Amino acid sequence: MRLRHHRSCGAEAGPPVDRHRHHPSGDQPDRDDKTKKEFEKWACGLIKAYPQGGGRKGADGGIDGLFRFGPAKEHVAIVSVKGGMSVGVGMVRDLDAVVTEQKAQIGILLTLTPPTGPMVDWAKGAGTFQVEGFDPVPRLQIITVEEAMEKGPRAVNTPLRHGSPYKKAAREEDTRAQGALDI
């Protein structure tokens, strides 16, 4: 079907196979809102996040998807997708504000291009999120589409349990001496 579509329209349909084949943003004036929403749904799917509002058009309040994690999926990460070729620290600030307002535990910024230095600095300054018994993770995480394509859901840094999940019993000291066996 893709081949037939390519022959008739001159373009290949379907999800992009690398980050260079999909530029859904305002950087290209011929892209419409539907294409942008489709890109957001596709990008959220790379990390197994659920598109906000089922991927329908409309105001999303800075939330393009939700990623649930934890032993019972009780924690929430808000996903914001930016498909433009120009990224800036304002995008990380906006995500930080949405994460705080929505009382989410983690914010994930999925970008088509690598983050700038100020973006990384803001994300590091946002602190960490920690669950008792788990290692701390960055509260704001910036993931490129390329990383998400390579690693899938593993690109998102969620709390991992350290050590054994089982309590270790204390060793009992035997004060009685073991007797010799008479054989």
N, C-alpha and C. Protein backbone atom coordinates (compact mmCIF):
# COMPACT_ATOMS: atom_id res chain seq x y z
N MET A 1 0.82 -1.18 0.00
CA MET A 1 0.00 0.00 0.00
C MET A 1 0.88 1.26 0.00
N ARG A 2 1.96 1.22 0.79
CA ARG A 2 2.85 2.38 0.80
C ARG A 2 3.44 2.63 -0.58
N LEU A 3 3.81 1.54 -1.26
CA LEU A 3 4.39 1.67 -2.58
C LEU A 3 3.37 2.27 -3.54
N ARG A 4 2.13 1.80 -3.47
CA ARG A 4 1.08 2.32 -4.33
C ARG A 4 0.86 3.80 -4.05
N HIS A 5 0.84 4.18 -2.76
CA HIS A 5 0.66 5.58 -2.39
C HIS A 5 1.84 6.41 -2.90
N HIS A 6 3.04 5.86 -2.80
CA HIS A 6 4.23 6.57 -3.26
C HIS A 6 4.17 6.81 -4.76
N ARG A 7 3.72 5.80 -5.50
CA ARG A 7 3.63 5.94 -6.95
C ARG A 7 2.59 6.98 -7.36
N SER A 8 1.46 7.02 -6.64
CA SER A 8 0.40 7.93 -7.04
C SER A 8 0.60 9.34 -6.51
N CYS A 9 1.18 9.48 -5.33
CA CYS A 9 1.31 10.80 -4.72
C CYS A 9 2.74 11.30 -4.64
N GLY A 10 3.71 10.41 -4.79
CA GLY A 10 5.09 10.84 -4.71
C GLY A 10 5.62 10.95 -3.30
N ALA A 11 4.86 10.49 -2.33
CA ALA A 11 5.31 10.55 -0.93
C ALA A 11 4.94 9.26 -0.24
N GLU A 12 5.71 8.91 0.74
CA GLU A 12 5.45 7.68 1.48
C GLU A 12 4.60 7.98 2.70
N ALA A 13 3.56 7.21 2.88
CA ALA A 13 2.69 7.38 4.05
C ALA A 13 3.19 6.49 5.17
N GLY A 14 2.69 6.73 6.36
CA GLY A 14 3.05 5.90 7.50
C GLY A 14 3.99 6.64 8.43
N PRO A 15 4.33 5.99 9.55
CA PRO A 15 5.19 6.65 10.52
C PRO A 15 6.60 6.84 9.98
N PRO A 16 7.27 7.91 10.42
CA PRO A 16 8.63 8.15 9.95
C PRO A 16 9.59 7.10 10.50
N VAL A 17 10.63 6.84 9.74
CA VAL A 17 11.61 5.85 10.19
C VAL A 17 12.82 6.50 10.84
N ASP A 18 12.98 7.80 10.70
CA ASP A 18 14.02 8.53 11.43
C ASP A 18 13.56 9.97 11.61
N ARG A 19 14.29 10.70 12.44
CA ARG A 19 13.84 12.05 12.79
C ARG A 19 13.92 13.02 11.62
N HIS A 20 14.69 12.71 10.59
CA HIS A 20 14.86 13.62 9.47
C HIS A 20 13.70 13.54 8.48
N ARG A 21 12.82 12.58 8.64
CA ARG A 21 11.73 12.42 7.68
C ARG A 21 10.41 12.95 8.19
N HIS A 22 10.40 13.59 9.32
CA HIS A 22 9.13 14.09 9.85
C HIS A 22 9.35 15.41 10.56
N HIS A 23 8.89 16.48 9.95
CA HIS A 23 8.99 17.81 10.55
C HIS A 23 7.59 18.42 10.57
N PRO A 24 6.84 18.21 11.67
CA PRO A 24 5.44 18.57 11.70
C PRO A 24 5.14 19.98 12.16
N SER A 25 6.13 20.79 12.41
CA SER A 25 5.88 22.02 13.16
C SER A 25 5.63 23.23 12.29
N GLY A 26 5.58 24.35 12.96
CA GLY A 26 5.40 25.63 12.30
C GLY A 26 6.62 26.04 11.50
N ASP A 27 7.74 25.32 11.62
CA ASP A 27 8.92 25.64 10.82
C ASP A 27 8.67 25.36 9.34
N GLN A 28 7.65 24.58 9.07
CA GLN A 28 7.28 24.30 7.69
C GLN A 28 5.84 24.77 7.51
N PRO A 29 5.63 25.83 6.75
CA PRO A 29 4.30 26.43 6.66
C PRO A 29 3.23 25.54 6.05
N ASP A 30 3.60 24.48 5.31
CA ASP A 30 2.60 23.64 4.67
C ASP A 30 2.01 22.60 5.62
N ARG A 31 2.49 22.52 6.86
CA ARG A 31 1.97 21.55 7.82
C ARG A 31 0.72 22.11 8.48
N ASP A 32 -0.28 21.27 8.67
CA ASP A 32 -1.50 21.72 9.31
C ASP A 32 -1.60 21.15 10.72
N ASP A 33 -2.67 21.53 11.43
CA ASP A 33 -2.86 21.07 12.80
C ASP A 33 -3.01 19.56 12.88
N LYS A 34 -3.64 18.96 11.87
CA LYS A 34 -3.83 17.51 11.89
C LYS A 34 -2.49 16.79 11.84
N THR A 35 -1.59 17.25 10.99
CA THR A 35 -0.27 16.64 10.88
C THR A 35 0.49 16.79 12.20
N LYS A 36 0.36 17.96 12.83
CA LYS A 36 1.03 18.20 14.11
C LYS A 36 0.50 17.25 15.17
N LYS A 37 -0.82 17.07 15.22
CA LYS A 37 -1.43 16.16 16.21
C LYS A 37 -1.00 14.72 15.94
N GLU A 38 -0.93 14.34 14.67
CA GLU A 38 -0.49 12.99 14.33
C GLU A 38 0.95 12.76 14.78
N PHE A 39 1.80 13.78 14.62
CA PHE A 39 3.18 13.66 15.08
C PHE A 39 3.22 13.51 16.59
N GLU A 40 2.42 14.29 17.32
CA GLU A 40 2.38 14.20 18.78
C GLU A 40 1.96 12.80 19.22
N LYS A 41 0.92 12.25 18.57
CA LYS A 41 0.47 10.89 18.91
C LYS A 41 1.57 9.87 18.63
N TRP A 42 2.22 10.00 17.48
CA TRP A 42 3.29 9.08 17.11
C TRP A 42 4.44 9.17 18.11
N ALA A 43 4.86 10.40 18.46
CA ALA A 43 5.98 10.58 19.39
C ALA A 43 5.64 10.03 20.77
N CYS A 44 4.41 10.26 21.24
CA CYS A 44 4.00 9.71 22.54
C CYS A 44 4.03 8.19 22.50
N GLY A 45 3.64 7.62 21.38
CA GLY A 45 3.65 6.16 21.23
C GLY A 45 5.04 5.56 21.31
N LEU A 46 6.06 6.33 20.95
CA LEU A 46 7.43 5.82 21.02
C LEU A 46 7.83 5.44 22.43
N ILE A 47 7.34 6.20 23.42
CA ILE A 47 7.70 5.93 24.82
C ILE A 47 6.54 5.30 25.58
N LYS A 48 5.53 4.84 24.85
CA LYS A 48 4.35 4.18 25.42
C LYS A 48 3.54 5.12 26.32
N ALA A 49 3.51 6.41 25.95
CA ALA A 49 2.68 7.38 26.66
C ALA A 49 1.32 7.44 25.96
N TYR A 50 0.29 7.77 26.72
CA TYR A 50 -1.06 7.88 26.17
C TYR A 50 -1.30 9.30 25.71
N PRO A 51 -1.73 9.51 24.45
CA PRO A 51 -2.00 10.87 23.99
C PRO A 51 -3.11 11.52 24.82
N GLN A 52 -2.94 12.79 25.14
CA GLN A 52 -3.93 13.53 25.92
C GLN A 52 -5.17 13.73 25.06
N GLY A 53 -6.33 13.48 25.63
CA GLY A 53 -7.58 13.68 24.90
C GLY A 53 -7.73 12.74 23.72
N GLY A 54 -7.04 11.62 23.75
CA GLY A 54 -7.15 10.65 22.66
C GLY A 54 -6.55 11.15 21.36
N GLY A 55 -5.74 12.21 21.43
CA GLY A 55 -5.10 12.73 20.23
C GLY A 55 -5.99 13.64 19.40
N ARG A 56 -7.15 14.02 19.96
CA ARG A 56 -8.06 14.90 19.23
C ARG A 56 -7.53 16.33 19.24
N LYS A 57 -7.97 17.12 18.26
CA LYS A 57 -7.57 18.52 18.19
C LYS A 57 -8.21 19.29 19.33
N GLY A 58 -7.60 20.42 19.66
CA GLY A 58 -8.13 21.28 20.72
C GLY A 58 -7.02 21.70 21.66
N ALA A 59 -7.35 22.63 22.55
CA ALA A 59 -6.35 23.11 23.51
C ALA A 59 -5.98 21.98 24.46
N ASP A 60 -4.68 21.76 24.60
CA ASP A 60 -4.24 20.66 25.47
C ASP A 60 -3.58 21.15 26.74
N GLY A 61 -3.44 22.47 26.91
CA GLY A 61 -2.87 23.01 28.13
C GLY A 61 -1.42 22.62 28.34
N GLY A 62 -0.69 22.33 27.27
CA GLY A 62 0.71 21.96 27.39
C GLY A 62 0.93 20.49 27.66
N ILE A 63 -0.15 19.71 27.67
CA ILE A 63 -0.05 18.27 27.92
C ILE A 63 -0.39 17.53 26.63
N ASP A 64 0.62 16.90 26.04
CA ASP A 64 0.39 16.13 24.82
C ASP A 64 0.18 14.65 25.10
N GLY A 65 0.66 14.19 26.25
CA GLY A 65 0.50 12.79 26.61
C GLY A 65 0.76 12.56 28.08
N LEU A 66 0.37 11.39 28.56
CA LEU A 66 0.59 10.99 29.95
C LEU A 66 1.32 9.65 29.96
N PHE A 67 2.26 9.54 30.86
CA PHE A 67 3.05 8.32 31.01
C PHE A 67 2.90 7.89 32.46
N ARG A 68 2.31 6.74 32.69
CA ARG A 68 2.11 6.25 34.06
C ARG A 68 3.23 5.28 34.41
N PHE A 69 3.68 5.35 35.68
CA PHE A 69 4.77 4.48 36.11
C PHE A 69 4.62 4.18 37.59
N GLY A 70 5.43 3.27 38.06
CA GLY A 70 5.39 2.84 39.46
C GLY A 70 4.86 1.43 39.54
N PRO A 71 4.99 0.80 40.71
CA PRO A 71 4.55 -0.59 40.85
C PRO A 71 3.08 -0.79 40.47
N ALA A 72 2.22 0.16 40.82
CA ALA A 72 0.80 0.04 40.48
C ALA A 72 0.39 1.12 39.48
N LYS A 73 1.35 1.68 38.76
CA LYS A 73 1.11 2.76 37.79
C LYS A 73 0.43 3.96 38.46
N GLU A 74 0.81 4.22 39.72
CA GLU A 74 0.16 5.29 40.48
C GLU A 74 0.79 6.66 40.26
N HIS A 75 1.95 6.72 39.65
CA HIS A 75 2.63 7.99 39.41
C HIS A 75 2.43 8.42 37.96
N VAL A 76 2.45 9.75 37.75
CA VAL A 76 2.16 10.28 36.42
C VAL A 76 3.30 11.18 35.95
N ALA A 77 3.66 11.02 34.69
CA ALA A 77 4.59 11.92 34.01
C ALA A 77 3.81 12.61 32.90
N ILE A 78 3.96 13.91 32.81
CA ILE A 78 3.32 14.68 31.75
C ILE A 78 4.30 14.76 30.58
N VAL A 79 3.79 14.51 29.38
CA VAL A 79 4.63 14.53 28.18
C VAL A 79 4.25 15.73 27.33
N SER A 80 5.25 16.50 26.93
CA SER A 80 5.07 17.62 26.02
C SER A 80 5.93 17.36 24.80
N VAL A 81 5.33 17.39 23.61
CA VAL A 81 6.04 17.09 22.37
C VAL A 81 6.27 18.38 21.60
N LYS A 82 7.51 18.60 21.19
CA LYS A 82 7.87 19.77 20.38
C LYS A 82 8.52 19.28 19.10
N GLY A 83 7.84 19.48 17.98
CA GLY A 83 8.33 18.98 16.71
C GLY A 83 9.06 20.01 15.87
N GLY A 84 9.28 21.20 16.41
CA GLY A 84 9.95 22.25 15.64
C GLY A 84 11.46 22.07 15.60
N MET A 85 12.06 22.74 14.66
CA MET A 85 13.52 22.67 14.53
C MET A 85 14.21 23.63 15.48
N SER A 86 13.46 24.58 16.04
CA SER A 86 14.06 25.51 17.01
C SER A 86 13.44 25.25 18.38
N VAL A 87 14.30 25.00 19.36
CA VAL A 87 13.86 24.75 20.72
C VAL A 87 14.52 25.76 21.64
N GLY A 88 13.88 26.01 22.79
CA GLY A 88 14.44 26.98 23.72
C GLY A 88 14.05 26.67 25.15
N VAL A 89 14.66 27.40 26.07
CA VAL A 89 14.45 27.18 27.49
C VAL A 89 13.01 27.46 27.90
N GLY A 90 12.30 28.30 27.15
CA GLY A 90 10.90 28.59 27.46
C GLY A 90 10.03 27.35 27.44
N MET A 91 10.37 26.39 26.60
CA MET A 91 9.61 25.14 26.53
C MET A 91 9.77 24.34 27.81
N VAL A 92 10.96 24.34 28.38
CA VAL A 92 11.21 23.61 29.63
C VAL A 92 10.52 24.33 30.78
N ARG A 93 10.57 25.67 30.78
CA ARG A 93 9.89 26.46 31.82
C ARG A 93 8.39 26.19 31.79
N ASP A 94 7.81 26.17 30.59
CA ASP A 94 6.38 25.89 30.46
C ASP A 94 6.03 24.51 30.99
N LEU A 95 6.84 23.52 30.65
CA LEU A 95 6.60 22.16 31.14
C LEU A 95 6.72 22.11 32.65
N ASP A 96 7.70 22.79 33.21
CA ASP A 96 7.88 22.85 34.67
C ASP A 96 6.62 23.40 35.33
N ALA A 97 6.06 24.47 34.75
CA ALA A 97 4.85 25.08 35.30
C ALA A 97 3.66 24.12 35.22
N VAL A 98 3.52 23.41 34.11
CA VAL A 98 2.41 22.46 33.95
C VAL A 98 2.55 21.30 34.92
N VAL A 99 3.76 20.78 35.09
CA VAL A 99 3.99 19.67 36.02
C VAL A 99 3.62 20.09 37.44
N THR A 100 4.02 21.30 37.83
CA THR A 100 3.70 21.81 39.16
C THR A 100 2.20 22.01 39.32
N GLU A 101 1.57 22.63 38.33
CA GLU A 101 0.13 22.91 38.38
C GLU A 101 -0.70 21.63 38.45
N GLN A 102 -0.31 20.63 37.68
CA GLN A 102 -1.07 19.37 37.61
C GLN A 102 -0.68 18.39 38.72
N LYS A 103 0.31 18.76 39.53
CA LYS A 103 0.80 17.91 40.62
C LYS A 103 1.29 16.55 40.11
N ALA A 104 1.93 16.58 38.94
CA ALA A 104 2.52 15.36 38.39
C ALA A 104 3.90 15.17 39.01
N GLN A 105 4.43 13.98 38.91
CA GLN A 105 5.72 13.69 39.52
C GLN A 105 6.89 14.01 38.58
N ILE A 106 6.70 13.79 37.29
CA ILE A 106 7.77 13.97 36.31
C ILE A 106 7.22 14.69 35.09
N GLY A 107 8.07 15.46 34.42
CA GLY A 107 7.74 16.07 33.14
C GLY A 107 8.71 15.60 32.09
N ILE A 108 8.20 15.22 30.93
CA ILE A 108 9.03 14.71 29.83
C ILE A 108 8.84 15.63 28.63
N LEU A 109 9.93 16.20 28.15
CA LEU A 109 9.89 17.03 26.95
C LEU A 109 10.49 16.22 25.81
N LEU A 110 9.65 15.85 24.84
CA LEU A 110 10.09 15.10 23.66
C LEU A 110 10.34 16.09 22.54
N THR A 111 11.58 16.22 22.08
CA THR A 111 11.91 17.19 21.05
C THR A 111 12.49 16.52 19.82
N LEU A 112 12.27 17.18 18.70
CA LEU A 112 12.82 16.67 17.45
C LEU A 112 14.31 16.96 17.35
N THR A 113 14.74 18.07 17.95
CA THR A 113 16.15 18.46 17.90
C THR A 113 16.77 18.39 19.29
N PRO A 114 18.08 18.27 19.38
CA PRO A 114 18.74 18.20 20.69
C PRO A 114 18.50 19.48 21.50
N PRO A 115 18.48 19.35 22.84
CA PRO A 115 18.23 20.52 23.69
C PRO A 115 19.44 21.47 23.72
N THR A 116 19.14 22.73 24.03
CA THR A 116 20.21 23.72 24.19
C THR A 116 20.77 23.64 25.61
N GLY A 117 21.89 24.29 25.84
CA GLY A 117 22.51 24.32 27.16
C GLY A 117 21.58 24.87 28.24
N PRO A 118 20.93 26.04 27.99
CA PRO A 118 20.01 26.57 29.00
C PRO A 118 18.84 25.63 29.31
N MET A 119 18.39 24.88 28.31
CA MET A 119 17.31 23.91 28.55
C MET A 119 17.77 22.83 29.52
N VAL A 120 18.96 22.31 29.29
CA VAL A 120 19.51 21.27 30.16
C VAL A 120 19.71 21.81 31.57
N ASP A 121 20.22 23.05 31.67
CA ASP A 121 20.44 23.67 32.98
C ASP A 121 19.13 23.82 33.75
N TRP A 122 18.06 24.28 33.07
CA TRP A 122 16.77 24.45 33.74
C TRP A 122 16.24 23.09 34.23
N ALA A 123 16.37 22.08 33.38
CA ALA A 123 15.88 20.74 33.75
C ALA A 123 16.65 20.21 34.97
N LYS A 124 17.96 20.41 35.00
CA LYS A 124 18.76 19.96 36.15
C LYS A 124 18.37 20.71 37.41
N GLY A 125 18.08 22.00 37.27
CA GLY A 125 17.71 22.82 38.42
C GLY A 125 16.34 22.50 38.98
N ALA A 126 15.54 21.74 38.25
CA ALA A 126 14.18 21.41 38.70
C ALA A 126 14.18 20.34 39.78
N GLY A 127 15.33 19.72 40.02
CA GLY A 127 15.42 18.74 41.10
C GLY A 127 15.11 17.33 40.66
N THR A 128 14.85 16.48 41.65
CA THR A 128 14.60 15.07 41.39
C THR A 128 13.28 14.64 42.02
N PHE A 129 12.82 13.49 41.61
CA PHE A 129 11.64 12.85 42.19
C PHE A 129 12.09 11.52 42.77
N GLN A 130 11.65 11.22 43.98
CA GLN A 130 12.07 9.97 44.61
C GLN A 130 10.90 9.32 45.33
N VAL A 131 10.83 8.03 45.18
CA VAL A 131 9.87 7.19 45.89
C VAL A 131 10.68 6.38 46.88
N GLU A 132 10.15 6.19 48.09
CA GLU A 132 10.88 5.44 49.11
C GLU A 132 11.23 4.05 48.59
N GLY A 133 12.50 3.69 48.74
CA GLY A 133 12.97 2.39 48.28
C GLY A 133 13.44 2.38 46.85
N PHE A 134 13.36 3.54 46.18
CA PHE A 134 13.77 3.63 44.78
C PHE A 134 14.84 4.70 44.63
N ASP A 135 15.62 4.60 43.57
CA ASP A 135 16.62 5.62 43.27
C ASP A 135 15.94 6.89 42.77
N PRO A 136 16.48 8.08 43.08
CA PRO A 136 15.89 9.33 42.58
C PRO A 136 16.10 9.48 41.07
N VAL A 137 15.16 10.18 40.42
CA VAL A 137 15.25 10.44 38.98
C VAL A 137 15.02 11.93 38.75
N PRO A 138 15.51 12.47 37.63
CA PRO A 138 15.27 13.88 37.33
C PRO A 138 13.78 14.18 37.21
N ARG A 139 13.35 15.30 37.78
CA ARG A 139 11.94 15.69 37.74
C ARG A 139 11.54 16.12 36.33
N LEU A 140 12.43 16.81 35.63
CA LEU A 140 12.20 17.20 34.24
C LEU A 140 13.23 16.49 33.37
N GLN A 141 12.74 15.82 32.33
CA GLN A 141 13.62 15.05 31.45
C GLN A 141 13.41 15.50 30.01
N ILE A 142 14.50 15.69 29.30
CA ILE A 142 14.44 16.08 27.89
C ILE A 142 14.93 14.89 27.07
N ILE A 143 14.07 14.41 26.19
CA ILE A 143 14.38 13.23 25.38
C ILE A 143 14.18 13.61 23.91
N THR A 144 15.15 13.30 23.08
CA THR A 144 14.98 13.57 21.65
C THR A 144 14.19 12.43 21.02
N VAL A 145 13.55 12.74 19.91
CA VAL A 145 12.80 11.72 19.18
C VAL A 145 13.72 10.58 18.76
N GLU A 146 14.94 10.93 18.41
CA GLU A 146 15.92 9.91 18.01
C GLU A 146 16.19 8.94 19.16
N GLU A 147 16.36 9.47 20.39
CA GLU A 147 16.57 8.60 21.56
C GLU A 147 15.34 7.73 21.81
N ALA A 148 14.16 8.33 21.66
CA ALA A 148 12.93 7.57 21.87
C ALA A 148 12.77 6.47 20.84
N MET A 149 13.21 6.73 19.61
CA MET A 149 13.13 5.69 18.57
C MET A 149 14.09 4.55 18.87
N GLU A 150 15.26 4.87 19.42
CA GLU A 150 16.26 3.84 19.72
C GLU A 150 15.90 3.03 20.96
N LYS A 151 15.47 3.71 22.03
CA LYS A 151 15.28 3.05 23.32
C LYS A 151 13.84 2.74 23.66
N GLY A 152 12.89 3.38 23.01
CA GLY A 152 11.48 3.17 23.35
C GLY A 152 11.19 3.69 24.75
N PRO A 153 10.35 2.98 25.51
CA PRO A 153 10.00 3.44 26.86
C PRO A 153 11.19 3.53 27.80
N ARG A 154 12.27 2.82 27.48
CA ARG A 154 13.46 2.87 28.34
C ARG A 154 14.16 4.23 28.28
N ALA A 155 13.77 5.08 27.33
CA ALA A 155 14.36 6.42 27.24
C ALA A 155 13.91 7.28 28.43
N VAL A 156 12.75 6.95 29.00
CA VAL A 156 12.24 7.68 30.15
C VAL A 156 12.89 7.11 31.41
N ASN A 157 13.43 7.99 32.24
CA ASN A 157 14.12 7.59 33.45
C ASN A 157 13.12 7.58 34.61
N THR A 158 12.57 6.41 34.93
CA THR A 158 11.63 6.28 36.04
C THR A 158 12.32 5.62 37.22
N PRO A 159 11.76 5.77 38.43
CA PRO A 159 12.42 5.19 39.60
C PRO A 159 12.58 3.67 39.48
N LEU A 160 13.78 3.21 39.76
CA LEU A 160 14.07 1.78 39.78
C LEU A 160 14.42 1.38 41.20
N ARG A 161 13.88 0.27 41.61
CA ARG A 161 14.13 -0.19 42.98
C ARG A 161 15.60 -0.56 43.12
N HIS A 162 16.21 -0.10 44.23
CA HIS A 162 17.59 -0.49 44.49
C HIS A 162 17.59 -1.56 45.58
N GLY A 163 18.49 -2.49 45.44
CA GLY A 163 18.55 -3.58 46.40
C GLY A 163 17.43 -4.58 46.17
N SER A 164 17.28 -5.48 47.10
CA SER A 164 16.27 -6.53 47.00
C SER A 164 14.92 -6.01 47.52
N PRO A 165 13.82 -6.41 46.90
CA PRO A 165 12.52 -6.00 47.40
C PRO A 165 12.10 -6.76 48.65
N TYR A 166 12.87 -7.76 49.03
CA TYR A 166 12.54 -8.57 50.20
C TYR A 166 13.39 -8.15 51.39
N LYS A 167 12.78 -8.19 52.57
CA LYS A 167 13.53 -7.89 53.78
C LYS A 167 14.44 -9.07 54.10
N LYS A 168 15.61 -8.74 54.57
CA LYS A 168 16.57 -9.78 54.91
C LYS A 168 16.45 -10.06 56.40
N ALA A 169 16.28 -11.31 56.75
CA ALA A 169 16.16 -11.69 58.16
C ALA A 169 17.52 -11.57 58.83
N ALA A 170 17.48 -11.18 60.09
CA ALA A 170 18.72 -11.08 60.86
C ALA A 170 19.23 -12.49 61.14
N ARG A 171 20.53 -12.62 61.11
CA ARG A 171 21.14 -13.92 61.36
C ARG A 171 21.02 -14.23 62.85
N GLU A 172 20.58 -15.42 63.14
CA GLU A 172 20.39 -15.83 64.53
C GLU A 172 21.66 -16.52 65.02
N GLU A 173 22.13 -16.09 66.16
CA GLU A 173 23.33 -16.69 66.76
C GLU A 173 22.90 -17.85 67.65
N ASP A 174 23.52 -19.00 67.45
CA ASP A 174 23.22 -20.17 68.28
C ASP A 174 24.24 -20.20 69.42
N THR A 175 23.74 -20.02 70.62
CA THR A 175 24.64 -19.98 71.78
C THR A 175 25.03 -21.36 72.26
N ARG A 176 24.28 -22.36 71.85
CA ARG A 176 24.61 -23.72 72.25
C ARG A 176 25.64 -24.29 71.29
N ALA A 177 26.58 -24.99 71.82
CA ALA A 177 27.58 -25.63 70.97
C ALA A 177 26.99 -26.89 70.37
N GLN A 178 27.33 -27.13 69.14
CA GLN A 178 26.82 -28.32 68.48
C GLN A 178 27.57 -29.53 69.03
N GLY A 179 26.82 -30.50 69.40
CA GLY A 179 27.44 -31.71 69.94
C GLY A 179 27.99 -32.59 68.85
N ALA A 180 28.91 -33.45 69.22
CA ALA A 180 29.49 -34.38 68.28
C ALA A 180 28.53 -35.54 68.08
N LEU A 181 28.54 -36.08 66.91
CA LEU A 181 27.68 -37.22 66.60
C LEU A 181 28.41 -38.51 66.99
N ASP A 182 27.74 -39.34 67.75
CA ASP A 182 28.32 -40.63 68.11
C ASP A 182 27.84 -41.66 67.10
N ILE A 183 28.75 -42.10 66.32
CA ILE A 183 28.38 -43.10 65.31
C ILE A 183 29.10 -44.38 65.58
